[in-house]
N, C-alpha and C. Protein backbone atom coordinates (compact mmCIF):
# COMPACT_ATOMS: atom_id res chain seq x y z
N MET A 1 68.96 193.69 34.05
CA MET A 1 69.97 193.80 35.09
C MET A 1 70.97 192.67 34.92
N SER A 2 72.22 192.95 35.21
CA SER A 2 73.22 191.89 35.13
C SER A 2 74.13 191.97 36.35
N LEU A 3 74.77 190.87 36.61
CA LEU A 3 75.68 190.80 37.75
C LEU A 3 76.99 191.48 37.41
N PRO A 4 77.49 192.33 38.30
CA PRO A 4 78.82 192.89 38.05
C PRO A 4 79.87 191.79 38.27
N ASN A 5 80.89 191.79 37.44
CA ASN A 5 81.96 190.82 37.60
C ASN A 5 82.61 190.99 38.96
N LEU A 6 83.07 189.90 39.52
CA LEU A 6 83.85 189.95 40.75
C LEU A 6 85.31 190.01 40.37
N GLN A 7 86.06 190.82 41.09
CA GLN A 7 87.51 190.83 40.90
C GLN A 7 88.15 191.20 42.22
N GLY A 8 89.03 190.33 42.68
CA GLY A 8 89.71 190.57 43.94
C GLY A 8 90.77 189.53 44.19
N ARG A 9 91.52 189.76 45.23
CA ARG A 9 92.62 188.85 45.59
C ARG A 9 92.08 187.60 46.30
N ALA A 10 92.77 186.51 46.14
CA ALA A 10 92.45 185.29 46.89
C ALA A 10 92.99 185.47 48.30
N ALA A 11 92.13 185.97 49.20
CA ALA A 11 92.56 186.30 50.55
C ALA A 11 92.87 185.05 51.37
N TRP A 12 92.26 183.93 51.02
CA TRP A 12 92.56 182.67 51.70
C TRP A 12 92.14 181.52 50.80
N ILE A 13 92.91 180.45 50.84
CA ILE A 13 92.58 179.24 50.11
C ILE A 13 92.42 178.12 51.13
N PHE A 14 91.20 177.63 51.26
CA PHE A 14 90.92 176.52 52.16
C PHE A 14 91.27 175.24 51.41
N GLN A 15 92.33 174.57 51.83
CA GLN A 15 92.81 173.37 51.14
C GLN A 15 91.99 172.13 51.49
N GLU A 16 91.39 172.14 52.67
CA GLU A 16 90.66 170.95 53.10
C GLU A 16 89.29 170.89 52.46
N ASP A 17 88.84 169.66 52.19
CA ASP A 17 87.48 169.44 51.72
C ASP A 17 86.57 169.32 52.93
N ASP A 18 85.25 169.43 52.71
CA ASP A 18 84.27 169.33 53.80
C ASP A 18 84.57 170.34 54.91
N PHE A 19 84.92 171.57 54.51
CA PHE A 19 85.28 172.59 55.48
C PHE A 19 84.05 173.10 56.22
N ASP A 20 84.08 172.98 57.53
CA ASP A 20 83.00 173.45 58.40
C ASP A 20 83.14 174.96 58.57
N ILE A 21 82.18 175.68 58.06
CA ILE A 21 82.23 177.14 58.02
C ILE A 21 82.37 177.77 59.41
N ASP A 22 81.87 177.09 60.44
CA ASP A 22 81.97 177.62 61.80
C ASP A 22 83.43 177.81 62.24
N LEU A 23 84.36 177.08 61.65
CA LEU A 23 85.76 177.18 62.03
C LEU A 23 86.37 178.53 61.65
N ILE A 24 85.74 179.26 60.76
CA ILE A 24 86.24 180.58 60.37
C ILE A 24 86.27 181.52 61.57
N VAL A 25 85.27 181.45 62.41
CA VAL A 25 85.25 182.30 63.61
C VAL A 25 85.53 181.50 64.88
N GLY A 26 85.52 180.19 64.77
CA GLY A 26 85.72 179.33 65.94
C GLY A 26 84.37 178.98 66.55
N ILE A 27 84.20 177.73 66.84
CA ILE A 27 82.92 177.23 67.38
C ILE A 27 82.50 178.03 68.61
N LYS A 28 83.44 178.35 69.48
CA LYS A 28 83.08 179.05 70.72
C LYS A 28 82.59 180.48 70.47
N ASN A 29 82.81 181.00 69.25
CA ASN A 29 82.46 182.40 68.96
C ASN A 29 81.21 182.56 68.11
N ILE A 30 80.55 181.48 67.73
CA ILE A 30 79.43 181.63 66.79
C ILE A 30 78.22 182.34 67.38
N LYS A 31 78.19 182.51 68.68
CA LYS A 31 77.07 183.23 69.30
C LYS A 31 77.34 184.71 69.50
N ILE A 32 78.53 185.17 69.10
CA ILE A 32 78.84 186.60 69.20
C ILE A 32 77.94 187.35 68.24
N THR A 33 77.25 188.37 68.74
CA THR A 33 76.35 189.14 67.89
C THR A 33 76.94 190.47 67.43
N ASP A 34 77.90 191.00 68.15
CA ASP A 34 78.54 192.26 67.76
C ASP A 34 79.46 191.99 66.56
N ILE A 35 79.16 192.60 65.43
CA ILE A 35 79.88 192.31 64.19
C ILE A 35 81.35 192.68 64.26
N ASN A 36 81.69 193.74 64.96
CA ASN A 36 83.11 194.12 65.08
C ASN A 36 83.88 193.12 65.92
N GLU A 37 83.26 192.64 66.98
CA GLU A 37 83.89 191.62 67.82
C GLU A 37 84.05 190.32 67.03
N LEU A 38 83.03 189.97 66.27
CA LEU A 38 83.08 188.76 65.46
C LEU A 38 84.17 188.87 64.39
N ALA A 39 84.25 190.00 63.73
CA ALA A 39 85.28 190.21 62.71
C ALA A 39 86.68 190.12 63.30
N ALA A 40 86.84 190.57 64.54
CA ALA A 40 88.16 190.54 65.19
C ALA A 40 88.67 189.12 65.42
N VAL A 41 87.77 188.14 65.57
CA VAL A 41 88.20 186.76 65.80
C VAL A 41 88.21 185.93 64.52
N THR A 42 87.81 186.52 63.42
CA THR A 42 87.73 185.80 62.15
C THR A 42 89.10 185.33 61.68
N MET A 43 89.21 184.05 61.44
CA MET A 43 90.39 183.39 60.87
C MET A 43 91.61 183.41 61.79
N THR A 44 91.47 183.79 63.05
CA THR A 44 92.64 183.86 63.93
C THR A 44 93.31 182.51 64.13
N THR A 45 92.58 181.43 63.99
CA THR A 45 93.18 180.10 64.10
C THR A 45 94.13 179.83 62.94
N TYR A 46 93.89 180.44 61.81
CA TYR A 46 94.68 180.20 60.60
C TYR A 46 95.71 181.28 60.34
N ASP A 47 95.33 182.54 60.56
CA ASP A 47 96.21 183.67 60.30
C ASP A 47 95.75 184.82 61.19
N ASP A 48 96.52 185.11 62.24
CA ASP A 48 96.08 186.13 63.18
C ASP A 48 96.11 187.54 62.60
N GLN A 49 96.65 187.70 61.39
CA GLN A 49 96.66 189.00 60.72
C GLN A 49 95.61 189.09 59.61
N PHE A 50 94.77 188.08 59.49
CA PHE A 50 93.82 188.04 58.38
C PHE A 50 92.93 189.28 58.33
N ALA A 51 92.33 189.65 59.45
CA ALA A 51 91.38 190.78 59.47
C ALA A 51 92.03 192.07 59.00
N SER A 52 93.31 192.26 59.29
CA SER A 52 93.97 193.49 58.86
C SER A 52 94.52 193.39 57.44
N ALA A 53 94.68 192.17 56.92
CA ALA A 53 95.23 191.99 55.58
C ALA A 53 94.17 191.98 54.48
N VAL A 54 92.95 191.56 54.81
CA VAL A 54 91.90 191.45 53.81
C VAL A 54 91.42 192.84 53.40
N ARG A 55 91.09 192.96 52.09
CA ARG A 55 90.60 194.24 51.55
C ARG A 55 89.23 194.05 50.94
N LYS A 56 88.52 195.15 50.82
CA LYS A 56 87.21 195.13 50.17
C LYS A 56 87.36 194.56 48.76
N GLY A 57 86.51 193.58 48.45
CA GLY A 57 86.54 192.95 47.14
C GLY A 57 87.31 191.64 47.08
N ASP A 58 88.05 191.31 48.14
CA ASP A 58 88.80 190.06 48.15
C ASP A 58 87.85 188.87 48.10
N LEU A 59 88.39 187.74 47.71
CA LEU A 59 87.61 186.51 47.53
C LEU A 59 88.22 185.39 48.37
N LEU A 60 87.40 184.41 48.68
CA LEU A 60 87.88 183.19 49.32
C LEU A 60 87.85 182.07 48.29
N VAL A 61 88.76 181.13 48.42
CA VAL A 61 88.81 179.97 47.55
C VAL A 61 88.66 178.74 48.44
N GLY A 62 87.75 177.84 48.05
CA GLY A 62 87.49 176.67 48.87
C GLY A 62 87.56 175.38 48.11
N GLY A 63 87.52 174.29 48.85
CA GLY A 63 87.59 172.96 48.28
C GLY A 63 86.21 172.38 48.00
N HIS A 64 86.15 171.06 48.01
CA HIS A 64 84.90 170.35 47.78
C HIS A 64 84.02 170.41 49.01
N ASN A 65 82.73 170.62 48.81
CA ASN A 65 81.73 170.66 49.89
C ASN A 65 82.04 171.79 50.89
N PHE A 66 82.48 172.92 50.36
CA PHE A 66 82.77 174.07 51.21
C PHE A 66 81.50 174.51 51.92
N GLY A 67 81.61 174.79 53.21
CA GLY A 67 80.46 175.22 54.00
C GLY A 67 79.76 174.07 54.69
N TYR A 68 80.38 172.92 54.69
CA TYR A 68 79.84 171.72 55.34
C TYR A 68 79.50 172.02 56.79
N GLY A 69 78.49 171.38 57.29
CA GLY A 69 78.10 171.53 58.69
C GLY A 69 76.77 172.23 58.79
N HIS A 70 76.51 172.77 59.94
CA HIS A 70 75.27 173.50 60.17
C HIS A 70 75.34 174.83 59.43
N PRO A 71 74.24 175.28 58.86
CA PRO A 71 74.27 176.54 58.11
C PRO A 71 74.18 177.76 59.04
N HIS A 72 75.23 177.95 59.85
CA HIS A 72 75.29 179.13 60.71
C HIS A 72 75.80 180.31 59.89
N TYR A 73 75.31 181.49 60.21
CA TYR A 73 75.65 182.66 59.41
C TYR A 73 76.75 183.56 59.96
N PRO A 74 77.16 183.44 61.23
CA PRO A 74 78.16 184.39 61.76
C PRO A 74 79.45 184.45 60.96
N ALA A 75 79.98 183.32 60.52
CA ALA A 75 81.26 183.34 59.82
C ALA A 75 81.20 184.19 58.56
N MET A 76 80.18 183.99 57.75
CA MET A 76 80.11 184.75 56.51
C MET A 76 79.65 186.19 56.75
N ARG A 77 78.89 186.43 57.81
CA ARG A 77 78.58 187.82 58.19
C ARG A 77 79.89 188.56 58.47
N ALA A 78 80.78 187.90 59.21
CA ALA A 78 82.08 188.51 59.53
C ALA A 78 82.91 188.73 58.27
N MET A 79 82.91 187.75 57.38
CA MET A 79 83.67 187.90 56.13
C MET A 79 83.13 189.07 55.31
N ARG A 80 81.82 189.17 55.18
CA ARG A 80 81.24 190.30 54.44
C ARG A 80 81.62 191.63 55.10
N HIS A 81 81.59 191.66 56.44
CA HIS A 81 81.95 192.87 57.17
C HIS A 81 83.40 193.26 56.88
N LEU A 82 84.26 192.28 56.73
CA LEU A 82 85.68 192.55 56.43
C LEU A 82 85.91 192.94 54.97
N GLY A 83 84.89 192.76 54.11
CA GLY A 83 85.00 193.17 52.72
C GLY A 83 85.07 192.04 51.72
N VAL A 84 85.04 190.78 52.18
CA VAL A 84 85.08 189.66 51.25
C VAL A 84 83.84 189.72 50.36
N ALA A 85 84.05 189.62 49.04
CA ALA A 85 82.98 189.83 48.07
C ALA A 85 82.35 188.55 47.55
N GLY A 86 82.98 187.39 47.81
CA GLY A 86 82.43 186.14 47.31
C GLY A 86 83.35 184.97 47.60
N VAL A 87 82.86 183.78 47.27
CA VAL A 87 83.63 182.55 47.45
C VAL A 87 83.61 181.78 46.14
N ILE A 88 84.79 181.32 45.73
CA ILE A 88 84.93 180.43 44.58
C ILE A 88 85.41 179.10 45.15
N ALA A 89 84.65 178.04 44.94
CA ALA A 89 85.03 176.74 45.51
C ALA A 89 84.83 175.62 44.51
N GLU A 90 85.49 174.51 44.79
CA GLU A 90 85.34 173.30 43.96
C GLU A 90 83.87 172.88 43.94
N SER A 91 83.23 172.92 45.11
CA SER A 91 81.80 172.65 45.26
C SER A 91 81.37 173.15 46.62
N PHE A 92 80.06 173.25 46.83
CA PHE A 92 79.52 173.78 48.08
C PHE A 92 78.58 172.79 48.73
N SER A 93 78.52 172.88 50.05
CA SER A 93 77.48 172.17 50.78
C SER A 93 76.15 172.79 50.36
N PRO A 94 75.14 171.97 50.05
CA PRO A 94 73.87 172.52 49.55
C PRO A 94 73.22 173.53 50.50
N GLY A 95 73.21 173.26 51.79
CA GLY A 95 72.59 174.20 52.74
C GLY A 95 73.32 175.53 52.78
N PHE A 96 74.64 175.48 52.78
CA PHE A 96 75.44 176.70 52.78
C PHE A 96 75.19 177.48 51.49
N PHE A 97 75.19 176.77 50.36
CA PHE A 97 74.98 177.43 49.07
C PHE A 97 73.65 178.16 49.04
N ARG A 98 72.57 177.46 49.40
CA ARG A 98 71.25 178.10 49.38
C ARG A 98 71.18 179.29 50.33
N GLY A 99 71.74 179.11 51.52
CA GLY A 99 71.68 180.17 52.52
C GLY A 99 72.42 181.43 52.10
N GLU A 100 73.62 181.27 51.57
CA GLU A 100 74.41 182.44 51.19
C GLU A 100 73.89 183.11 49.92
N ILE A 101 73.45 182.32 48.96
CA ILE A 101 72.83 182.91 47.76
C ILE A 101 71.59 183.69 48.17
N SER A 102 70.80 183.15 49.10
CA SER A 102 69.59 183.85 49.53
C SER A 102 69.92 185.16 50.24
N MET A 103 71.13 185.28 50.76
CA MET A 103 71.57 186.54 51.38
C MET A 103 72.13 187.50 50.34
N GLY A 104 72.21 187.04 49.08
CA GLY A 104 72.75 187.89 48.02
C GLY A 104 74.26 187.84 47.94
N PHE A 105 74.86 186.79 48.52
CA PHE A 105 76.32 186.67 48.54
C PHE A 105 76.78 185.74 47.42
N PRO A 106 77.63 186.22 46.51
CA PRO A 106 78.03 185.42 45.36
C PRO A 106 78.88 184.20 45.72
N LEU A 107 78.46 183.05 45.22
CA LEU A 107 79.20 181.80 45.33
C LEU A 107 79.38 181.25 43.93
N VAL A 108 80.59 180.80 43.62
CA VAL A 108 80.92 180.33 42.29
C VAL A 108 81.48 178.91 42.41
N THR A 109 80.83 177.96 41.77
CA THR A 109 81.30 176.58 41.76
C THR A 109 82.23 176.40 40.57
N CYS A 110 83.51 176.19 40.87
CA CYS A 110 84.53 176.15 39.81
C CYS A 110 85.53 175.02 40.08
N PRO A 111 85.23 173.81 39.59
CA PRO A 111 86.17 172.71 39.78
C PRO A 111 87.56 173.04 39.24
N GLY A 112 88.58 172.76 40.05
CA GLY A 112 89.97 173.02 39.67
C GLY A 112 90.52 174.33 40.17
N ILE A 113 89.72 175.15 40.82
CA ILE A 113 90.16 176.49 41.23
C ILE A 113 91.37 176.46 42.17
N ARG A 114 91.43 175.48 43.06
CA ARG A 114 92.58 175.42 43.98
C ARG A 114 93.88 175.14 43.24
N GLU A 115 93.79 174.39 42.17
CA GLU A 115 95.00 174.02 41.42
C GLU A 115 95.63 175.20 40.71
N ILE A 116 94.86 176.22 40.36
CA ILE A 116 95.41 177.34 39.58
C ILE A 116 95.61 178.61 40.41
N THR A 117 95.38 178.52 41.73
CA THR A 117 95.40 179.73 42.55
C THR A 117 96.35 179.60 43.73
N THR A 118 97.10 180.65 43.98
CA THR A 118 97.86 180.76 45.21
C THR A 118 97.36 182.01 45.95
N ARG A 119 97.62 182.04 47.23
CA ARG A 119 97.11 183.15 48.04
C ARG A 119 97.60 184.49 47.48
N TRP A 120 96.71 185.43 47.45
CA TRP A 120 96.86 186.81 47.00
C TRP A 120 96.85 186.96 45.49
N ASP A 121 96.71 185.88 44.72
CA ASP A 121 96.51 186.04 43.27
C ASP A 121 95.24 186.83 43.03
N GLU A 122 95.25 187.65 42.01
CA GLU A 122 94.07 188.42 41.61
C GLU A 122 93.19 187.53 40.73
N LEU A 123 91.94 187.37 41.13
CA LEU A 123 90.99 186.54 40.39
C LEU A 123 89.86 187.39 39.84
N GLN A 124 89.31 186.97 38.71
CA GLN A 124 88.16 187.65 38.14
C GLN A 124 87.11 186.61 37.76
N VAL A 125 85.87 186.88 38.15
CA VAL A 125 84.73 186.06 37.77
C VAL A 125 83.96 186.84 36.72
N ASP A 126 83.93 186.31 35.51
CA ASP A 126 83.19 186.92 34.41
C ASP A 126 81.89 186.14 34.26
N TRP A 127 80.79 186.72 34.78
CA TRP A 127 79.51 186.03 34.78
C TRP A 127 79.01 185.73 33.38
N GLU A 128 79.19 186.66 32.46
CA GLU A 128 78.67 186.48 31.10
C GLU A 128 79.45 185.41 30.34
N ALA A 129 80.77 185.40 30.50
CA ALA A 129 81.61 184.42 29.80
C ALA A 129 81.59 183.06 30.51
N GLY A 130 81.18 183.05 31.78
CA GLY A 130 81.13 181.80 32.52
C GLY A 130 82.50 181.25 32.87
N ARG A 131 83.42 182.17 33.21
CA ARG A 131 84.77 181.70 33.53
C ARG A 131 85.40 182.51 34.66
N VAL A 132 86.32 181.84 35.33
CA VAL A 132 87.16 182.47 36.33
C VAL A 132 88.55 182.58 35.73
N THR A 133 89.15 183.76 35.82
CA THR A 133 90.50 183.98 35.32
C THR A 133 91.39 184.36 36.47
N ASN A 134 92.53 183.69 36.56
CA ASN A 134 93.56 184.09 37.51
C ASN A 134 94.42 185.11 36.76
N LEU A 135 94.28 186.37 37.12
CA LEU A 135 94.98 187.44 36.41
C LEU A 135 96.48 187.42 36.68
N ALA A 136 96.91 186.73 37.74
CA ALA A 136 98.33 186.64 38.06
C ALA A 136 99.07 185.68 37.12
N ASN A 137 98.39 184.61 36.67
CA ASN A 137 99.08 183.64 35.82
C ASN A 137 98.36 183.39 34.48
N GLY A 138 97.22 184.05 34.27
CA GLY A 138 96.50 183.95 33.01
C GLY A 138 95.67 182.68 32.84
N ARG A 139 95.68 181.80 33.81
CA ARG A 139 94.92 180.55 33.67
C ARG A 139 93.43 180.82 33.87
N GLN A 140 92.61 180.08 33.12
CA GLN A 140 91.17 180.25 33.16
C GLN A 140 90.48 178.91 33.35
N LEU A 141 89.34 178.96 34.00
CA LEU A 141 88.50 177.78 34.19
C LEU A 141 87.04 178.17 33.99
N PRO A 142 86.26 177.27 33.39
CA PRO A 142 84.81 177.53 33.34
C PRO A 142 84.21 177.25 34.72
N PHE A 143 83.10 177.92 35.02
CA PHE A 143 82.40 177.61 36.26
C PHE A 143 80.99 177.16 35.94
N GLU A 144 80.38 176.49 36.91
CA GLU A 144 79.02 175.99 36.72
C GLU A 144 78.06 177.17 36.73
N PRO A 145 77.21 177.28 35.72
CA PRO A 145 76.29 178.42 35.66
C PRO A 145 75.25 178.35 36.78
N LEU A 146 74.80 179.51 37.19
CA LEU A 146 73.74 179.60 38.20
C LEU A 146 72.40 179.37 37.52
N SER A 147 71.45 178.88 38.28
CA SER A 147 70.08 178.79 37.75
C SER A 147 69.54 180.20 37.59
N SER A 148 68.44 180.34 36.88
CA SER A 148 67.85 181.68 36.69
C SER A 148 67.41 182.28 38.02
N VAL A 149 66.91 181.46 38.94
CA VAL A 149 66.49 181.97 40.25
C VAL A 149 67.71 182.39 41.07
N GLU A 150 68.78 181.59 41.05
CA GLU A 150 70.00 181.95 41.79
C GLU A 150 70.58 183.25 41.25
N ARG A 151 70.65 183.36 39.96
CA ARG A 151 71.19 184.58 39.34
C ARG A 151 70.29 185.79 39.67
N GLY A 152 68.98 185.60 39.54
CA GLY A 152 68.05 186.68 39.86
C GLY A 152 68.16 187.09 41.32
N THR A 153 68.37 186.13 42.19
CA THR A 153 68.52 186.42 43.62
C THR A 153 69.76 187.27 43.86
N LEU A 154 70.88 186.91 43.22
CA LEU A 154 72.10 187.71 43.37
C LEU A 154 71.92 189.10 42.78
N GLU A 155 71.30 189.18 41.61
CA GLU A 155 71.08 190.48 40.96
C GLU A 155 70.22 191.40 41.83
N ALA A 156 69.25 190.82 42.52
CA ALA A 156 68.35 191.61 43.36
C ALA A 156 68.96 191.96 44.72
N GLY A 157 70.05 191.28 45.08
CA GLY A 157 70.68 191.54 46.38
C GLY A 157 70.18 190.63 47.49
N GLY A 158 69.49 189.56 47.14
CA GLY A 158 69.01 188.61 48.13
C GLY A 158 67.64 188.08 47.74
N PHE A 159 67.21 187.04 48.45
CA PHE A 159 65.97 186.37 48.08
C PHE A 159 64.73 187.22 48.36
N ILE A 160 64.71 187.95 49.45
CA ILE A 160 63.54 188.80 49.76
C ILE A 160 63.38 189.88 48.70
N PRO A 161 64.44 190.64 48.36
CA PRO A 161 64.27 191.62 47.27
C PRO A 161 63.89 190.97 45.94
N TYR A 162 64.41 189.77 45.68
CA TYR A 162 64.07 189.04 44.46
C TYR A 162 62.57 188.73 44.42
N LEU A 163 62.03 188.22 45.53
CA LEU A 163 60.61 187.90 45.59
C LEU A 163 59.73 189.15 45.46
N LYS A 164 60.14 190.22 46.13
CA LYS A 164 59.37 191.46 46.04
C LYS A 164 59.32 191.97 44.60
N ALA A 165 60.45 191.94 43.91
CA ALA A 165 60.49 192.40 42.51
C ALA A 165 59.66 191.48 41.62
N ARG A 166 59.73 190.20 41.87
CA ARG A 166 58.96 189.24 41.07
C ARG A 166 57.46 189.45 41.27
N LEU A 167 57.05 189.64 42.52
CA LEU A 167 55.63 189.89 42.80
C LEU A 167 55.16 191.21 42.19
N ALA A 168 56.02 192.22 42.22
CA ALA A 168 55.67 193.51 41.62
C ALA A 168 55.49 193.37 40.11
N ARG A 169 56.36 192.59 39.47
CA ARG A 169 56.23 192.36 38.02
C ARG A 169 54.95 191.60 37.71
N GLN A 170 54.62 190.61 38.52
CA GLN A 170 53.40 189.84 38.30
C GLN A 170 52.15 190.70 38.49
N ALA A 171 52.19 191.57 39.47
CA ALA A 171 51.04 192.46 39.72
C ALA A 171 50.89 193.47 38.59
N ALA A 172 51.99 193.92 38.02
CA ALA A 172 51.95 194.90 36.94
C ALA A 172 51.55 194.27 35.60
N ALA A 173 51.83 192.98 35.42
CA ALA A 173 51.55 192.31 34.15
C ALA A 173 50.08 192.36 33.76
N PRO A 174 49.13 192.01 34.66
CA PRO A 174 47.71 192.09 34.26
C PRO A 174 47.27 193.53 33.93
N ALA A 175 47.81 194.49 34.64
CA ALA A 175 47.44 195.88 34.39
C ALA A 175 47.92 196.33 33.02
N ALA A 176 49.08 195.82 32.57
CA ALA A 176 49.64 196.21 31.28
C ALA A 176 48.84 195.61 30.12
N THR A 177 48.21 194.47 30.33
CA THR A 177 47.44 193.83 29.27
C THR A 177 45.98 194.29 29.23
N ALA A 178 45.55 194.98 30.27
CA ALA A 178 44.13 195.40 30.32
C ALA A 178 43.87 196.62 29.48
């Protein structure tokens, strides 16, 4: 199994470092459980037309330590609901990175990504080549490879499916050798 390449527009570029993910929906909204209501307030502080402008497959671009703060999930749940397919950032907060990868959501650590990208540029993540290409200007950057567990988790669609498949393979292995 292999990861399908990501390709989509840079729907937003977070210029600030240490970006607190809760700000995507607003601190006062992180307890909203209705996904449609949550999606409606997503990014309104930054662009009140964001929810209507984003398309399935779009990507977010972030700075250093993207996802800083408490690892709350509403913001990225809302982004996934709106169609955002992944985040490419200079670096990630460790808790955010582990949490989103475990949900099967692609995160790409790519130093320099903000320098080569403007909003709405078409970006492509080529997992096999290990590079991000800005299709609008042709510029390319290498990204930090995922560990085998991180990659396997994304390929399986999340950590629970990854563990189930791993356990099934382990259970089948002794039977195949008997």
